[in-house]
Amino acid sequence: MSAPLGPRLRLTAAAAISGLALLGLTGCSEDSSTATPDESTSEPTSIQVTVEGDSITPAGERVKVSVGEPVTLEIDSDREGELHVHSTPEQEISFSEGASEHELVLDRPGIVEVESHDPDIVVLQLEAR
């Protein structure tokens, strides 16, 4: 007959058995790099901007975008003009009459205003996360 295990030896044996069980489970688990798609596989953000004379839409709308992901401004205008993107560094988007697409990328989180100075209005706010 063997002697009963002391409390410290029982705790060590239980820890060893638990560790082996966990090791066996991790060997069968799915690779975490393929388990869940990340946000970088989401659809790119595209925003329609319409310029008709002194009227520009959207007018101050806030749009959530991802930091580091491209944002496409699809501009349809009846005249040439310029939009100012108050990001760091600041960006200027010159557009001509007709339809055009302009891509920008925000590399810092925060709210970035896109505005026109002719007329002087905030066209949209990009909320980069």
N, C-alpha and C. Protein backbone atom coordinates (compact mmCIF):
# COMPACT_ATOMS: atom_id res chain seq x y z
N MET A 1 0.83 -1.16 0.00
CA MET A 1 0.00 0.00 0.00
C MET A 1 0.88 1.23 0.00
N SER A 2 0.52 2.22 -0.81
CA SER A 2 1.36 3.39 -0.90
C SER A 2 0.90 4.43 0.10
N ALA A 3 1.81 5.31 0.46
CA ALA A 3 1.50 6.37 1.42
C ALA A 3 0.65 7.43 0.75
N PRO A 4 -0.30 8.09 1.45
CA PRO A 4 -1.12 9.14 0.85
C PRO A 4 -0.24 10.33 0.45
N LEU A 5 -0.67 11.01 -0.61
CA LEU A 5 0.09 12.16 -1.09
C LEU A 5 -0.13 13.33 -0.16
N GLY A 6 0.91 14.10 0.07
CA GLY A 6 0.79 15.31 0.88
C GLY A 6 0.08 16.40 0.09
N PRO A 7 -0.44 17.47 0.75
CA PRO A 7 -1.19 18.52 0.06
C PRO A 7 -0.38 19.20 -1.04
N ARG A 8 0.91 19.43 -0.82
CA ARG A 8 1.73 20.11 -1.82
C ARG A 8 1.94 19.22 -3.05
N LEU A 9 2.16 17.96 -2.85
CA LEU A 9 2.37 17.03 -3.95
C LEU A 9 1.08 16.85 -4.76
N ARG A 10 -0.08 16.84 -4.08
CA ARG A 10 -1.36 16.72 -4.78
C ARG A 10 -1.59 17.95 -5.66
N LEU A 11 -1.26 19.13 -5.18
CA LEU A 11 -1.44 20.36 -5.94
C LEU A 11 -0.52 20.36 -7.16
N THR A 12 0.72 19.93 -7.02
CA THR A 12 1.66 19.87 -8.12
C THR A 12 1.20 18.87 -9.17
N ALA A 13 0.70 17.73 -8.75
CA ALA A 13 0.21 16.72 -9.68
C ALA A 13 -1.01 17.24 -10.44
N ALA A 14 -1.90 17.93 -9.76
CA ALA A 14 -3.09 18.48 -10.41
C ALA A 14 -2.70 19.54 -11.44
N ALA A 15 -1.73 20.38 -11.10
CA ALA A 15 -1.27 21.41 -12.03
C ALA A 15 -0.64 20.78 -13.27
N ALA A 16 0.13 19.72 -13.09
CA ALA A 16 0.77 19.05 -14.22
C ALA A 16 -0.28 18.42 -15.14
N ILE A 17 -1.29 17.79 -14.56
CA ILE A 17 -2.35 17.18 -15.37
C ILE A 17 -3.13 18.25 -16.12
N SER A 18 -3.43 19.38 -15.46
CA SER A 18 -4.15 20.47 -16.13
C SER A 18 -3.33 21.04 -17.27
N GLY A 19 -2.03 21.21 -17.05
CA GLY A 19 -1.16 21.75 -18.09
C GLY A 19 -1.11 20.83 -19.30
N LEU A 20 -1.03 19.51 -19.09
CA LEU A 20 -1.02 18.58 -20.20
C LEU A 20 -2.34 18.61 -20.96
N ALA A 21 -3.45 18.75 -20.24
CA ALA A 21 -4.76 18.82 -20.89
C ALA A 21 -4.86 20.06 -21.77
N LEU A 22 -4.39 21.21 -21.27
CA LEU A 22 -4.41 22.43 -22.05
C LEU A 22 -3.50 22.34 -23.27
N LEU A 23 -2.36 21.72 -23.10
CA LEU A 23 -1.43 21.55 -24.22
C LEU A 23 -2.07 20.71 -25.31
N GLY A 24 -2.80 19.67 -24.93
CA GLY A 24 -3.50 18.84 -25.90
C GLY A 24 -4.58 19.62 -26.63
N LEU A 25 -5.27 20.49 -25.94
CA LEU A 25 -6.33 21.28 -26.57
C LEU A 25 -5.77 22.29 -27.56
N THR A 26 -4.65 22.93 -27.23
CA THR A 26 -4.09 23.92 -28.14
C THR A 26 -3.54 23.27 -29.39
N GLY A 27 -3.12 22.04 -29.30
CA GLY A 27 -2.63 21.34 -30.48
C GLY A 27 -3.72 21.12 -31.51
N CYS A 28 -4.99 21.07 -31.07
CA CYS A 28 -6.11 20.83 -31.98
C CYS A 28 -6.82 22.10 -32.39
N SER A 29 -6.44 23.22 -31.84
CA SER A 29 -7.19 24.45 -32.13
C SER A 29 -6.86 24.97 -33.51
N GLU A 30 -7.75 25.80 -34.05
CA GLU A 30 -7.57 26.42 -35.36
C GLU A 30 -6.56 27.56 -35.27
N ASP A 31 -5.78 27.75 -36.28
CA ASP A 31 -4.82 28.85 -36.33
C ASP A 31 -5.57 30.17 -36.24
N SER A 32 -5.21 31.01 -35.27
CA SER A 32 -5.94 32.27 -35.06
C SER A 32 -5.80 33.23 -36.23
N SER A 33 -4.79 33.07 -37.08
CA SER A 33 -4.63 33.99 -38.20
C SER A 33 -5.69 33.78 -39.28
N THR A 34 -6.33 32.59 -39.28
CA THR A 34 -7.36 32.34 -40.27
C THR A 34 -8.74 32.21 -39.65
N ALA A 35 -8.85 32.32 -38.34
CA ALA A 35 -10.13 32.09 -37.67
C ALA A 35 -11.14 33.20 -37.96
N THR A 36 -10.72 34.44 -37.91
CA THR A 36 -11.65 35.55 -38.07
C THR A 36 -11.06 36.58 -39.00
N PRO A 37 -11.80 37.01 -40.02
CA PRO A 37 -11.26 38.06 -40.88
C PRO A 37 -11.16 39.37 -40.13
N ASP A 38 -10.12 40.14 -40.42
CA ASP A 38 -9.97 41.42 -39.74
C ASP A 38 -10.67 42.51 -40.54
N GLU A 39 -10.67 43.74 -40.01
CA GLU A 39 -11.37 44.84 -40.65
C GLU A 39 -10.74 45.26 -41.96
N SER A 40 -9.50 44.88 -42.21
CA SER A 40 -8.84 45.32 -43.44
C SER A 40 -9.45 44.67 -44.68
N THR A 41 -10.27 43.61 -44.50
CA THR A 41 -10.91 42.98 -45.63
C THR A 41 -12.29 43.57 -45.90
N SER A 42 -12.67 44.61 -45.17
CA SER A 42 -13.98 45.23 -45.38
C SER A 42 -13.99 46.02 -46.68
N GLU A 43 -15.20 46.32 -47.14
CA GLU A 43 -15.35 47.10 -48.37
C GLU A 43 -14.77 48.50 -48.19
N PRO A 44 -14.14 49.05 -49.24
CA PRO A 44 -13.61 50.41 -49.14
C PRO A 44 -14.75 51.41 -49.01
N THR A 45 -14.48 52.52 -48.34
CA THR A 45 -15.48 53.56 -48.14
C THR A 45 -15.50 54.48 -49.35
N SER A 46 -16.69 54.68 -49.89
CA SER A 46 -16.88 55.57 -51.03
C SER A 46 -17.97 56.57 -50.66
N ILE A 47 -17.69 57.87 -50.87
CA ILE A 47 -18.62 58.93 -50.48
C ILE A 47 -18.93 59.78 -51.70
N GLN A 48 -20.22 59.93 -51.98
CA GLN A 48 -20.68 60.73 -53.11
C GLN A 48 -20.75 62.20 -52.69
N VAL A 49 -20.11 63.09 -53.45
CA VAL A 49 -20.16 64.54 -53.22
C VAL A 49 -20.72 65.17 -54.49
N THR A 50 -21.76 65.99 -54.33
CA THR A 50 -22.37 66.66 -55.47
C THR A 50 -22.23 68.17 -55.32
N VAL A 51 -21.73 68.81 -56.37
CA VAL A 51 -21.56 70.26 -56.38
C VAL A 51 -22.45 70.82 -57.49
N GLU A 52 -23.41 71.65 -57.08
CA GLU A 52 -24.30 72.34 -58.04
C GLU A 52 -24.31 73.81 -57.69
N GLY A 53 -23.54 74.61 -58.42
CA GLY A 53 -23.42 76.03 -58.10
C GLY A 53 -22.81 76.20 -56.72
N ASP A 54 -23.53 76.92 -55.84
CA ASP A 54 -23.05 77.13 -54.47
C ASP A 54 -23.57 76.07 -53.50
N SER A 55 -24.27 75.06 -54.00
CA SER A 55 -24.82 73.99 -53.16
C SER A 55 -23.91 72.77 -53.24
N ILE A 56 -23.48 72.27 -52.07
CA ILE A 56 -22.63 71.08 -52.02
C ILE A 56 -23.25 70.10 -51.03
N THR A 57 -23.42 68.86 -51.46
CA THR A 57 -23.90 67.81 -50.56
C THR A 57 -22.89 66.67 -50.56
N PRO A 58 -22.72 66.00 -49.44
CA PRO A 58 -23.46 66.17 -48.20
C PRO A 58 -23.06 67.46 -47.50
N ALA A 59 -23.84 67.88 -46.56
CA ALA A 59 -23.59 69.15 -45.86
C ALA A 59 -23.30 68.88 -44.40
N GLY A 60 -22.04 68.58 -44.10
CA GLY A 60 -21.61 68.39 -42.71
C GLY A 60 -21.84 67.00 -42.16
N GLU A 61 -22.24 66.06 -42.99
CA GLU A 61 -22.51 64.69 -42.55
C GLU A 61 -21.24 64.05 -41.98
N ARG A 62 -21.40 63.25 -40.90
CA ARG A 62 -20.26 62.54 -40.31
C ARG A 62 -20.26 61.10 -40.82
N VAL A 63 -19.08 60.67 -41.31
CA VAL A 63 -18.93 59.33 -41.87
C VAL A 63 -17.80 58.63 -41.14
N LYS A 64 -18.05 57.41 -40.65
CA LYS A 64 -17.02 56.63 -39.96
C LYS A 64 -16.15 55.93 -41.00
N VAL A 65 -14.84 56.05 -40.83
CA VAL A 65 -13.88 55.42 -41.72
C VAL A 65 -12.80 54.75 -40.88
N SER A 66 -12.03 53.87 -41.50
CA SER A 66 -10.97 53.17 -40.80
C SER A 66 -9.62 53.84 -41.05
N VAL A 67 -8.84 53.99 -40.00
CA VAL A 67 -7.50 54.55 -40.11
C VAL A 67 -6.68 53.65 -41.04
N GLY A 68 -5.99 54.27 -41.98
CA GLY A 68 -5.12 53.53 -42.89
C GLY A 68 -5.83 52.92 -44.09
N GLU A 69 -7.14 52.99 -44.14
CA GLU A 69 -7.89 52.43 -45.27
C GLU A 69 -8.27 53.53 -46.24
N PRO A 70 -8.24 53.26 -47.54
CA PRO A 70 -8.57 54.30 -48.51
C PRO A 70 -10.05 54.72 -48.45
N VAL A 71 -10.27 56.01 -48.65
CA VAL A 71 -11.60 56.60 -48.75
C VAL A 71 -11.67 57.25 -50.12
N THR A 72 -12.69 56.92 -50.90
CA THR A 72 -12.84 57.50 -52.23
C THR A 72 -13.96 58.53 -52.21
N LEU A 73 -13.63 59.74 -52.63
CA LEU A 73 -14.64 60.78 -52.81
C LEU A 73 -15.02 60.77 -54.28
N GLU A 74 -16.28 60.47 -54.56
CA GLU A 74 -16.80 60.48 -55.92
C GLU A 74 -17.49 61.83 -56.11
N ILE A 75 -16.85 62.72 -56.83
CA ILE A 75 -17.34 64.09 -56.97
C ILE A 75 -18.02 64.27 -58.33
N ASP A 76 -19.24 64.75 -58.29
CA ASP A 76 -19.98 65.10 -59.50
C ASP A 76 -20.27 66.59 -59.41
N SER A 77 -19.66 67.38 -60.30
CA SER A 77 -19.70 68.82 -60.17
C SER A 77 -20.06 69.52 -61.48
N ASP A 78 -20.77 70.65 -61.33
CA ASP A 78 -21.09 71.45 -62.51
C ASP A 78 -20.07 72.58 -62.72
N ARG A 79 -19.00 72.53 -61.92
CA ARG A 79 -17.95 73.55 -62.03
C ARG A 79 -16.66 72.98 -61.44
N GLU A 80 -15.54 73.65 -61.68
CA GLU A 80 -14.29 73.23 -61.03
C GLU A 80 -14.25 73.82 -59.63
N GLY A 81 -13.45 73.20 -58.77
CA GLY A 81 -13.34 73.69 -57.40
C GLY A 81 -12.28 72.93 -56.63
N GLU A 82 -12.30 73.12 -55.32
CA GLU A 82 -11.29 72.51 -54.46
C GLU A 82 -11.90 72.21 -53.09
N LEU A 83 -11.53 71.06 -52.55
CA LEU A 83 -11.91 70.69 -51.19
C LEU A 83 -10.65 70.63 -50.34
N HIS A 84 -10.77 71.05 -49.10
CA HIS A 84 -9.64 71.03 -48.17
C HIS A 84 -9.91 69.96 -47.11
N VAL A 85 -8.96 69.04 -46.95
CA VAL A 85 -9.06 67.96 -45.97
C VAL A 85 -8.14 68.35 -44.81
N HIS A 86 -8.74 68.66 -43.67
CA HIS A 86 -7.97 69.14 -42.52
C HIS A 86 -7.42 67.99 -41.69
N SER A 87 -6.60 67.16 -42.35
CA SER A 87 -5.92 66.04 -41.70
C SER A 87 -4.49 66.47 -41.41
N THR A 88 -3.71 65.56 -40.87
CA THR A 88 -2.29 65.83 -40.65
C THR A 88 -1.51 64.84 -41.49
N PRO A 89 -0.84 65.25 -42.55
CA PRO A 89 -0.79 66.60 -43.09
C PRO A 89 -2.09 66.93 -43.83
N GLU A 90 -2.32 68.24 -44.01
CA GLU A 90 -3.52 68.67 -44.72
C GLU A 90 -3.42 68.25 -46.18
N GLN A 91 -4.59 68.02 -46.77
CA GLN A 91 -4.66 67.60 -48.17
C GLN A 91 -5.62 68.51 -48.91
N GLU A 92 -5.35 68.75 -50.18
CA GLU A 92 -6.23 69.53 -51.03
C GLU A 92 -6.65 68.65 -52.20
N ILE A 93 -7.93 68.70 -52.51
CA ILE A 93 -8.46 67.92 -53.62
C ILE A 93 -9.03 68.91 -54.64
N SER A 94 -8.36 69.03 -55.77
CA SER A 94 -8.86 69.87 -56.86
C SER A 94 -9.70 68.99 -57.77
N PHE A 95 -10.85 69.52 -58.18
CA PHE A 95 -11.71 68.77 -59.07
C PHE A 95 -12.17 69.67 -60.21
N SER A 96 -12.50 69.05 -61.32
CA SER A 96 -12.96 69.80 -62.48
C SER A 96 -14.45 69.52 -62.70
N GLU A 97 -15.02 70.20 -63.65
CA GLU A 97 -16.43 69.98 -63.99
C GLU A 97 -16.61 68.55 -64.46
N GLY A 98 -17.70 67.93 -64.05
CA GLY A 98 -17.96 66.55 -64.44
C GLY A 98 -17.75 65.60 -63.27
N ALA A 99 -17.61 64.32 -63.58
CA ALA A 99 -17.42 63.29 -62.56
C ALA A 99 -15.94 62.98 -62.39
N SER A 100 -15.52 62.83 -61.14
CA SER A 100 -14.14 62.46 -60.84
C SER A 100 -14.09 61.70 -59.52
N GLU A 101 -13.03 60.92 -59.35
CA GLU A 101 -12.81 60.17 -58.11
C GLU A 101 -11.47 60.58 -57.52
N HIS A 102 -11.47 60.74 -56.20
CA HIS A 102 -10.24 61.15 -55.49
C HIS A 102 -10.11 60.29 -54.25
N GLU A 103 -8.94 59.66 -54.10
CA GLU A 103 -8.70 58.77 -52.96
C GLU A 103 -7.84 59.48 -51.92
N LEU A 104 -8.21 59.27 -50.64
CA LEU A 104 -7.37 59.77 -49.56
C LEU A 104 -7.32 58.72 -48.47
N VAL A 105 -6.27 58.80 -47.66
CA VAL A 105 -6.06 57.87 -46.55
C VAL A 105 -5.75 58.69 -45.31
N LEU A 106 -6.46 58.40 -44.23
CA LEU A 106 -6.20 59.07 -42.95
C LEU A 106 -5.37 58.12 -42.10
N ASP A 107 -4.22 58.62 -41.63
CA ASP A 107 -3.32 57.74 -40.88
C ASP A 107 -3.36 57.96 -39.37
N ARG A 108 -4.30 58.79 -38.90
CA ARG A 108 -4.44 59.03 -37.46
C ARG A 108 -5.92 59.02 -37.09
N PRO A 109 -6.25 58.49 -35.91
CA PRO A 109 -7.65 58.54 -35.48
C PRO A 109 -8.08 59.96 -35.12
N GLY A 110 -9.36 60.23 -35.26
CA GLY A 110 -9.91 61.53 -34.93
C GLY A 110 -10.96 61.96 -35.94
N ILE A 111 -11.44 63.16 -35.78
CA ILE A 111 -12.44 63.71 -36.70
C ILE A 111 -11.75 64.71 -37.62
N VAL A 112 -11.89 64.48 -38.91
CA VAL A 112 -11.24 65.31 -39.92
C VAL A 112 -12.33 65.97 -40.76
N GLU A 113 -12.29 67.30 -40.83
CA GLU A 113 -13.26 68.03 -41.63
C GLU A 113 -12.79 68.16 -43.07
N VAL A 114 -13.74 67.97 -43.98
CA VAL A 114 -13.52 68.21 -45.40
C VAL A 114 -14.40 69.40 -45.72
N GLU A 115 -13.77 70.48 -46.19
CA GLU A 115 -14.56 71.70 -46.41
C GLU A 115 -14.24 72.36 -47.74
N SER A 116 -15.17 73.21 -48.13
CA SER A 116 -15.02 74.03 -49.31
C SER A 116 -14.83 75.47 -48.83
N HIS A 117 -14.04 76.24 -49.57
CA HIS A 117 -13.90 77.65 -49.24
C HIS A 117 -14.68 78.52 -50.23
N ASP A 118 -15.32 77.86 -51.21
CA ASP A 118 -16.12 78.60 -52.18
C ASP A 118 -17.33 77.76 -52.57
N PRO A 119 -18.43 77.81 -51.86
CA PRO A 119 -18.72 78.61 -50.68
C PRO A 119 -18.05 78.01 -49.44
N ASP A 120 -17.99 78.76 -48.37
CA ASP A 120 -17.31 78.36 -47.14
C ASP A 120 -18.23 77.48 -46.30
N ILE A 121 -18.15 76.15 -46.52
CA ILE A 121 -18.97 75.20 -45.76
C ILE A 121 -18.20 73.93 -45.45
N VAL A 122 -18.61 73.25 -44.38
CA VAL A 122 -18.08 71.92 -44.07
C VAL A 122 -18.90 70.93 -44.89
N VAL A 123 -18.23 70.20 -45.76
CA VAL A 123 -18.90 69.23 -46.62
C VAL A 123 -19.15 67.95 -45.86
N LEU A 124 -18.13 67.43 -45.18
CA LEU A 124 -18.30 66.25 -44.34
C LEU A 124 -17.23 66.18 -43.27
N GLN A 125 -17.53 65.32 -42.30
CA GLN A 125 -16.59 65.05 -41.21
C GLN A 125 -16.27 63.56 -41.29
N LEU A 126 -14.99 63.25 -41.41
CA LEU A 126 -14.56 61.86 -41.44
C LEU A 126 -14.11 61.48 -40.03
N GLU A 127 -14.78 60.50 -39.46
CA GLU A 127 -14.45 60.02 -38.11
C GLU A 127 -13.58 58.78 -38.27
N ALA A 128 -12.26 58.99 -38.17
CA ALA A 128 -11.30 57.91 -38.38
C ALA A 128 -11.07 57.15 -37.09
N ARG A 129 -11.26 55.85 -37.16
CA ARG A 129 -11.04 54.97 -36.00
C ARG A 129 -10.06 53.88 -36.32
